[in-house]
Protein backbone atom coordinates (compact mmCIF):
# COMPACT_ATOMS: atom_id res chain seq x y z
CA ASP A 1 8.83 37.12 23.06
CA SER A 2 10.36 40.27 21.59
CA ASN A 3 9.37 42.20 24.73
CA VAL A 4 11.06 39.60 26.95
CA LYS A 5 14.24 39.90 24.91
CA LYS A 6 14.13 43.69 25.18
CA ILE A 7 13.69 43.51 28.94
CA ALA A 8 16.51 40.97 29.27
CA SER A 9 18.77 43.15 27.12
CA HIS A 10 17.91 46.19 29.21
CA ILE A 11 18.69 44.32 32.46
CA THR A 12 21.96 43.03 31.02
CA LYS A 13 23.01 46.55 30.06
CA LYS A 14 22.07 47.90 33.48
CA VAL A 15 24.02 45.19 35.28
CA ALA A 16 27.06 45.62 33.06
CA ASP A 17 26.99 49.41 33.44
CA ARG A 18 26.72 49.14 37.22
CA LEU A 19 29.61 46.66 37.46
CA GLN A 20 31.74 48.82 35.20
CA ASP A 21 30.99 51.86 37.34
CA ILE A 22 32.04 50.03 40.52
CA PHE A 23 35.20 48.82 38.80
CA LYS A 24 36.16 52.32 37.69
CA THR A 25 35.42 54.09 40.96
CA GLN A 26 36.15 51.37 43.54
CA ARG A 27 38.57 48.97 41.92
CA ASP A 28 40.06 47.79 45.22
CA GLU A 29 36.61 46.78 46.46
CA PHE A 30 35.78 45.21 43.10
CA GLU A 31 38.93 43.06 43.30
CA LYS A 32 38.09 41.95 46.85
CA LYS A 33 34.67 40.76 45.63
CA TRP A 34 35.97 39.25 42.37
CA ASP A 35 36.04 35.62 43.57
CA GLY A 36 32.33 35.89 44.35
CA LEU A 37 31.48 37.79 41.17
CA LYS A 38 33.58 35.72 38.77
CA MET A 39 31.13 32.87 38.16
CA PHE A 40 28.24 35.27 37.49
CA ILE A 41 30.25 37.51 35.16
CA ASN A 42 31.82 34.63 33.23
CA TYR A 43 28.43 32.97 32.78
CA GLY A 44 27.04 36.22 31.40
CA MET A 45 29.98 36.54 29.01
CA LEU A 46 29.50 32.96 27.83
CA THR A 47 25.78 33.25 27.19
CA ASP A 48 25.32 36.85 26.02
CA GLU A 49 27.53 38.37 23.34
CA LYS A 50 26.50 41.91 24.27
CA PHE A 51 27.34 41.30 27.91
CA TYR A 52 30.75 39.96 26.86
CA ASP A 53 31.42 43.13 24.87
CA ARG A 54 30.65 45.26 27.93
CA ALA A 55 32.28 43.03 30.55
CA LYS A 56 35.61 42.46 28.79
CA ASP A 57 36.80 45.85 30.06
CA PHE A 58 36.25 45.03 33.73
CA ALA A 59 36.53 41.22 33.82
CA LEU A 60 39.72 40.17 35.61
CA PHE A 61 42.43 37.57 35.63
CA LYS A 62 43.77 36.61 39.06
CA ASN A 63 47.26 35.13 39.14
CA THR A 64 48.85 32.76 41.65
CA ASP A 65 50.39 35.72 43.49
CA GLY A 66 46.87 37.05 44.20
CA LYS A 67 47.23 40.02 41.84
CA PHE A 68 44.41 41.15 39.53
CA PHE A 69 44.60 42.32 35.92
CA THR A 70 42.16 43.34 33.23
CA TYR A 71 42.51 41.42 29.99
CA ASP A 72 44.49 44.24 28.38
CA GLU A 73 46.71 44.68 31.44
CA TYR A 74 47.51 40.99 31.54
CA LYS A 75 48.28 40.85 27.84
CA THR A 76 50.83 43.64 28.33
CA LEU A 77 52.30 41.83 31.36
CA ILE A 78 53.03 38.52 29.61
CA ALA A 79 53.66 39.63 26.03
CA GLY A 80 57.41 39.92 26.48
CA ASN A 81 58.12 36.46 27.89
CA GLN A 82 55.12 34.33 26.93
CA THR A 83 55.05 34.74 23.17
CA ASP A 84 56.01 31.55 21.36
CA LYS A 85 58.10 31.08 18.23
CA ASN A 86 54.94 31.35 16.09
CA ASP A 87 54.15 34.76 17.61
CA SER A 88 51.19 33.40 19.60
CA LEU A 89 50.60 34.66 23.13
CA ILE A 90 50.47 31.79 25.64
CA TYR A 91 48.26 32.12 28.71
CA ILE A 92 49.37 29.61 31.36
CA TYR A 93 46.69 28.66 33.88
CA THR A 94 46.14 26.42 36.88
CA THR A 95 42.93 24.77 38.01
CA ASP A 96 44.29 23.85 41.45
CA VAL A 97 47.09 25.85 43.07
CA VAL A 98 47.73 23.12 45.65
CA ALA A 99 47.67 20.00 43.45
CA GLN A 100 49.65 21.73 40.68
CA TYR A 101 52.06 23.56 43.02
CA GLY A 102 55.20 21.91 41.63
CA ALA A 103 54.30 22.70 38.03
CA ILE A 104 53.43 26.29 38.99
CA GLU A 105 56.79 26.78 40.69
CA ASN A 106 58.63 25.34 37.66
CA ALA A 107 56.77 27.74 35.35
CA LYS A 108 57.45 30.73 37.62
CA ALA A 109 61.13 29.77 37.77
CA LYS A 110 61.24 30.39 34.01
CA GLY A 111 59.69 33.82 34.53
CA TYR A 112 56.19 32.80 33.45
CA ASP A 113 53.03 34.08 35.09
CA VAL A 114 50.18 31.68 35.94
CA VAL A 115 46.50 32.64 36.19
CA ILE A 116 43.94 30.81 38.30
CA MET A 117 41.08 29.25 36.31
CA ASP A 118 39.42 27.05 38.93
CA SER A 119 35.67 27.55 38.51
CA GLN A 120 33.29 25.00 37.00
CA LEU A 121 32.74 27.18 33.93
CA ASP A 122 36.39 27.85 33.16
CA SER A 123 36.91 24.89 30.80
CA HIS A 124 34.21 26.44 28.56
CA PHE A 125 35.28 30.02 29.25
CA ILE A 126 38.86 29.30 28.17
CA ASN A 127 37.57 28.13 24.79
CA GLN A 128 35.64 31.38 24.39
CA LEU A 129 38.67 33.50 25.27
CA GLU A 130 40.80 31.62 22.73
CA GLN A 131 38.24 32.54 20.08
CA LYS A 132 38.10 36.17 21.20
CA PHE A 133 41.80 36.86 21.80
CA GLU A 134 43.88 37.18 18.63
CA LYS A 135 46.79 34.75 18.20
CA SER A 136 46.45 33.44 21.73
CA ARG A 137 46.32 30.02 23.36
CA PHE A 138 45.67 28.75 26.89
CA VAL A 139 47.71 25.87 28.31
CA ARG A 140 47.34 24.32 31.74
CA VAL A 141 50.52 24.57 33.75
CA ASP A 142 50.90 20.79 34.11
CA SER A 143 50.03 19.93 30.50
CA GLU A 144 53.71 20.09 29.55
CA VAL A 145 57.09 20.29 31.22
CA ALA A 146 58.04 23.91 31.93
CA ASP A 147 60.53 24.02 29.05
CA LYS A 148 57.79 23.03 26.61
CA LEU A 149 54.87 25.16 27.83
CA ILE A 150 55.90 27.88 25.40
CA GLU A 151 57.67 26.76 22.24
CA LYS A 152 60.86 28.71 21.69
CA ASP A 153 63.64 28.38 19.13
CA GLU A 154 66.02 27.12 21.83
CA VAL A 155 67.59 23.75 20.95
CA ARG A 156 69.04 21.51 23.65
CA THR A 157 70.88 18.26 22.89
CA SER A 158 70.57 14.97 24.77
CA LYS A 159 73.29 13.49 26.95
CA ILE A 160 72.13 9.96 26.12
CA SER A 161 71.84 8.40 22.68
CA VAL A 162 68.63 7.39 20.94
CA GLU A 163 69.69 3.77 21.38
CA VAL A 164 69.92 4.19 25.16
CA GLN A 165 66.55 5.98 25.18
CA GLU A 166 64.94 3.02 23.43
CA GLN A 167 66.49 0.69 25.99
CA LEU A 168 65.14 2.83 28.82
CA ARG A 169 61.59 2.81 27.42
CA PRO A 170 60.65 -0.79 28.44
CA VAL A 171 62.46 -0.30 31.77
CA PHE A 172 60.04 2.48 32.71
CA LYS A 173 57.00 0.93 31.02
CA ALA A 174 57.48 -2.04 33.35
CA HIS A 175 56.21 0.15 36.20
CA VAL A 176 53.30 2.06 34.63
CA ALA A 177 49.88 1.27 33.22
CA PRO A 178 49.32 1.15 29.43
CA SER A 179 47.60 4.56 29.72
CA TYR A 180 51.05 6.14 30.20
CA ALA A 181 53.06 7.07 27.11
CA VAL A 182 56.80 7.09 27.80
CA MET A 183 58.40 10.14 26.16
CA PHE A 184 61.91 11.62 26.16
CA GLU A 185 62.68 15.33 26.30
CA ASN A 186 66.03 17.13 26.27
CA LEU A 187 65.42 19.25 29.35
CA ASN A 188 67.76 21.17 31.63
CA GLU A 189 69.65 18.83 33.94
CA THR A 190 68.29 20.77 36.93
CA GLU A 191 64.74 19.70 36.00
CA MET A 192 63.29 16.59 37.66
CA PRO A 193 64.43 13.28 36.11
CA ILE A 194 60.82 12.27 35.39
CA LEU A 195 57.72 14.44 35.03
CA ILE A 196 54.09 13.57 34.37
CA THR A 197 51.97 15.61 31.98
CA GLN A 198 48.52 15.28 30.45
CA SER A 199 47.46 16.38 26.98
CA GLU A 200 45.88 19.84 27.09
CA PHE A 201 43.33 18.91 24.40
CA MET A 202 42.19 15.60 25.93
CA ARG A 203 42.05 16.93 29.48
CA ARG A 204 40.08 20.00 28.43
CA MET A 205 37.58 17.91 26.46
CA LYS A 206 37.09 15.65 29.49
CA ASP A 207 36.65 18.68 31.77
CA MET A 208 34.01 20.08 29.45
CA ALA A 209 32.24 16.73 29.34
CA ALA A 210 32.17 16.66 33.15
CA VAL A 211 30.17 19.90 33.25
CA GLY A 212 27.83 19.02 30.40
CA GLY A 213 29.65 20.40 27.40
CA GLY A 214 28.32 17.91 24.88
CA MET A 215 31.63 16.04 24.88
CA ASN A 216 30.36 12.71 26.24
CA PHE A 217 32.64 10.74 23.91
CA TYR A 218 35.72 12.28 25.54
CA GLY A 219 34.22 11.98 29.00
CA ASN A 220 33.98 8.20 28.58
CA LEU A 221 37.62 7.82 27.58
CA PRO A 222 40.10 6.72 30.28
CA ASP A 223 42.63 9.24 31.54
CA SER A 224 45.93 9.14 29.68
CA TYR A 225 49.25 10.61 30.76
CA ASN A 226 52.75 11.24 29.47
CA LEU A 227 55.71 9.96 31.48
CA VAL A 228 58.38 12.43 30.40
CA ILE A 229 61.98 11.31 30.87
CA ASN A 230 64.59 14.06 31.17
CA THR A 231 67.45 12.80 28.98
CA ASN A 232 69.89 15.25 30.57
CA HIS A 233 69.37 14.37 34.22
CA PRO A 234 72.37 12.57 35.82
CA LEU A 235 70.15 9.86 37.32
CA ILE A 236 68.78 8.96 33.88
CA SER A 237 72.32 8.74 32.50
CA LYS A 238 73.29 6.53 35.45
CA LEU A 239 70.30 4.26 34.85
CA GLY A 240 71.35 3.94 31.21
CA ALA A 241 74.85 2.92 32.35
CA ASP A 242 73.35 0.41 34.81
CA ILE A 243 71.46 -1.22 31.94
CA GLN A 244 74.71 -1.68 30.02
CA ALA A 245 76.48 -3.11 33.04
CA SER A 246 73.66 -5.51 33.95
CA VAL A 247 72.03 -6.72 30.73
CA GLY A 248 73.93 -4.86 28.03
CA GLU A 249 75.60 -7.99 26.64
CA ASN A 250 72.29 -9.84 26.39
CA VAL A 251 70.64 -6.88 24.64
CA GLN A 252 73.52 -6.49 22.20
CA ALA A 253 73.41 -10.21 21.39
CA VAL A 254 69.76 -9.90 20.36
CA LEU A 255 70.46 -6.73 18.37
CA LYS A 256 73.27 -8.58 16.57
CA ASP A 257 70.80 -11.30 15.55
CA ILE A 258 68.39 -8.63 14.26
CA GLU A 259 70.96 -6.83 12.04
CA PRO A 260 71.19 -9.37 9.15
CA LEU A 261 67.42 -9.86 9.17
CA LYS A 262 66.83 -6.11 8.88
CA ALA A 263 69.42 -5.83 6.12
CA GLU A 264 67.68 -8.58 4.13
CA ALA A 265 64.27 -7.02 4.76
CA ASP A 266 65.54 -3.62 3.57
CA VAL A 267 66.69 -5.18 0.30
CA LEU A 268 63.25 -6.68 -0.30
CA GLU A 269 61.52 -3.39 0.63
CA LYS A 270 63.64 -1.52 -1.90
CA ALA A 271 62.94 -4.16 -4.56
CA LYS A 272 59.17 -3.69 -4.25
CA ALA A 273 59.35 0.11 -4.15
CA GLY A 274 57.24 1.65 -6.91
CA LYS A 275 55.54 -1.65 -7.74
CA LYS A 276 51.87 -2.47 -7.36
CA ALA A 277 50.97 -5.21 -4.88
CA ASP A 278 50.22 -7.75 -7.66
CA GLU A 279 53.58 -7.03 -9.32
CA VAL A 280 55.59 -8.28 -6.33
CA PRO A 281 56.38 -12.02 -6.54
CA SER A 282 54.60 -14.12 -3.90
CA ALA A 283 57.90 -15.65 -2.79
CA GLU A 284 59.29 -12.19 -2.01
CA LYS A 285 56.13 -11.21 -0.11
CA GLU A 286 56.26 -14.38 1.98
CA LYS A 287 59.97 -13.93 2.65
CA LEU A 288 59.45 -10.34 3.79
CA GLU A 289 56.57 -11.35 6.07
CA ASP A 290 58.72 -14.11 7.58
CA LEU A 291 61.61 -11.68 8.17
CA GLU A 292 59.29 -9.16 9.82
CA LYS A 293 57.94 -11.87 12.15
CA GLN A 294 61.47 -12.92 13.10
CA ILE A 295 62.47 -9.30 13.76
CA SER A 296 59.33 -8.73 15.82
CA THR A 297 60.02 -11.86 17.90
CA LEU A 298 63.59 -10.78 18.57
CA ASN A 299 62.51 -7.25 19.46
CA SER A 300 60.04 -8.72 21.94
CA LYS A 301 62.85 -10.81 23.41
CA LYS A 302 65.01 -7.70 23.76
CA ASP A 303 62.19 -5.72 25.36
CA GLN A 304 61.51 -8.58 27.79
CA ILE A 305 65.14 -8.52 28.93
CA LEU A 306 64.85 -4.80 29.59
CA THR A 307 61.39 -5.14 31.19
CA ASP A 308 62.71 -7.77 33.61
CA PHE A 309 65.62 -5.49 34.47
CA GLY A 310 63.17 -2.63 35.03
CA ARG A 311 60.89 -4.63 37.34
CA ASP A 312 63.86 -5.41 39.59
CA ASN A 313 65.32 -1.91 39.47
CA LYS A 314 64.36 0.09 42.56
CA ILE A 315 65.74 3.38 41.20
CA ALA A 316 63.48 3.31 38.11
CA LYS A 317 60.43 2.65 40.29
CA GLN A 318 61.50 5.29 42.81
CA LEU A 319 61.85 7.98 40.14
CA ILE A 320 58.39 7.22 38.77
CA ASP A 321 56.85 7.28 42.25
CA LEU A 322 58.47 10.66 42.96
CA ALA A 323 56.83 12.02 39.82
CA LEU A 324 53.49 10.54 40.87
CA ILE A 325 53.78 12.03 44.35
CA SER A 326 54.38 15.48 42.91
CA HIS A 327 50.93 15.16 41.26
CA ASN A 328 49.21 13.62 44.29
CA MET A 329 48.76 10.44 42.26
CA LEU A 330 50.48 7.92 44.54
CA LYS A 331 48.12 6.47 47.13
CA GLY A 332 47.32 3.42 49.24
CA GLU A 333 49.55 0.37 48.90
CA GLU A 334 51.84 1.99 46.34
CA LEU A 335 52.48 4.93 48.65
CA SER A 336 53.28 2.56 51.52
CA LYS A 337 55.71 0.64 49.31
CA PHE A 338 57.35 3.91 48.28
CA VAL A 339 57.95 4.88 51.90
CA LYS A 340 59.50 1.49 52.72
CA ARG A 341 61.66 1.58 49.59
CA SER A 342 62.82 5.10 50.42
CA VAL A 343 64.04 3.91 53.82
CA GLU A 344 65.88 0.98 52.18
CA LEU A 345 67.57 3.22 49.63
CA ILE A 346 68.90 5.69 52.20
CA SER A 347 69.88 3.07 54.81
């Protein structure tokens, strides 16, 4: 067994030395062959610590412009613009330059560089690189909106109030499956009105499970997405105004009924603050439970008004479908309906 290990170690060293020699003396040729070599080299780096130590000097990143960089070269390239507010270096990657084209272009518009990580091993290899690289993190280009890929200290305000945002939530949820979380972000008004993202952590765990990474629990979970609403886009502001014009009075009437109930509930909550459960009189507990049920019923009534408005609103559905199309996620009957609706809207 010890002899086998020695032979394997000797072969590994020979292979690494030969590849390093080719890289140093014929880099252009090495880069041309990189796509074919990548899987082999990355596998060696994943499975053999000594091979990693030797290969890290000639292993390459290839970006979406088709340019090649060693790890040190790439770190120097992105350090200036892709360091977040916590001083961590953010490596932005794509697994599919065609499917994620829109997200790639949005990232590049902000001056970010995007590397291609599209092999079967890359979900595992990324984890290894995060452990090896100091203060570094990898994020897929479509895991966040471009403004949020790298956290900066920049603060942007919203053109619509929190109240309007909460009214918009059921309008959009009327058109998406429960697996979509509706979120609001204060983005630049030139960004798309709606974008779709997927959690970097969950997606990576599922990718690893797909290639046998011992993550079967995550692999069995359904896909989940974020429907990100740009609070500063003019169309979102217009939709908020349309809500007020169409069902605003009905919504406000329900909110008016909720106000005294919430005020009474707040008084009871304050009265029980600092008390143990058995110290609160039963009558007060029952009253609070009754108030909470009434508030919940009225909130459901309000949300139903907004959901009904959303189901009938072609603009809300159109904006969601545009976001889905940008991710190649609109197909079959829904795609056909989108085409027909598009004709109606521009007629």
